[in-house]
């Protein structure tokens, strides 16, 4: 099974790397089940399908495609907030800084293309060990600062921290941590940046005035992840076909693209129906039949529950043909996520199935 093509999510990926190249922080906003994890895997050079099939692939190929000669001295540091062990000894802040330091160490193991690789790795392992042994919040903060400063100022490396599933953390994170992250960036301006993967606008998660210094780093640089283009959808469907050893005709692929609206979660349940239930092939013109299927209904339930109350109300306004009643900020948020779109100047749902489900 081949790796995803380099032009996967091209418009979105280019914006991300343009910010990284400029040392600018940013945030991405996407809908539930819209492929944020796959996008992050792609940025990092990880491809679960290619890895599962045993294919060899270059983990730095995406970075090299977009950063060219700057790729070798740019590290993408991925942080999964689900990896914070809050039940262990030490404060949440301690575990957050330790996770950042550990994630830098993982990045150093991933990127091995400079003459200082072994020295850098040894230093980071020593820093990480010091913090783990100490269980001290201040120690973790200072060691993290020292590690980032050395990487940027001594070894001339750029670091972009990518925070996955960050909504809950953004809403509840102590204000001191926002200030510390801003200070680390300011000490290494244009060499450190942050990318936040969110489901909601940051200003709706908490008041910007509480953390104004950090908020101004990202506030003007929103990237809407959106849904799949037809090209991306076809690439994903091709992987599903190989995994299930069942090829779809071009007509089925076109139908899948149109009815899913490019939403990968919806497309996947529709693909499963076509692949597993022979009667589904004869129902392509009966959109009501697909809307009634339990797996389809469950997928839309997950999407719906992943929306804010304001977004849910806005979707209902579209159903009621009252788009003018949608607050501009919420409308912009749903458009950025791809859940709403304009067709001939009319605001509509991303898929005709949404209307039936509602």
Foldseek 3Di string as FASTA:
>chain_A
DDFFDLCFLVVQLLLVVVCLQQQFAAEEAAFPLQCPVVVVCVCQQHGVLCVVVVHDDDRQVNLCVRVPPQSLQEFEQEAEPVPQDCVDQAHSLLSVLLSSLVSVLVRLVNRDDDPCSVVLNVLSVVLSVVSVVVSDNVSSLVSSLVNLCCSCPVVVHAYEYEYEPCLVCLLDPDLVVLVSVLVSCVVRPSRYYYYYYYHDQSCVSDPCVSNVSNCVRHVVHYAQSAAGDLVNQVSVVVSVCVVLVHDDDPVVSVLLCQAVLRRVQLSVVLVCCVSPPVVVVVCSVPLLVVLPDPSNLVSVVSSLVRDDPLLNVCLVCLLVVNNVPRPPSSVVSCVSNNQWDDDPNRIDGSHPSVSSSD
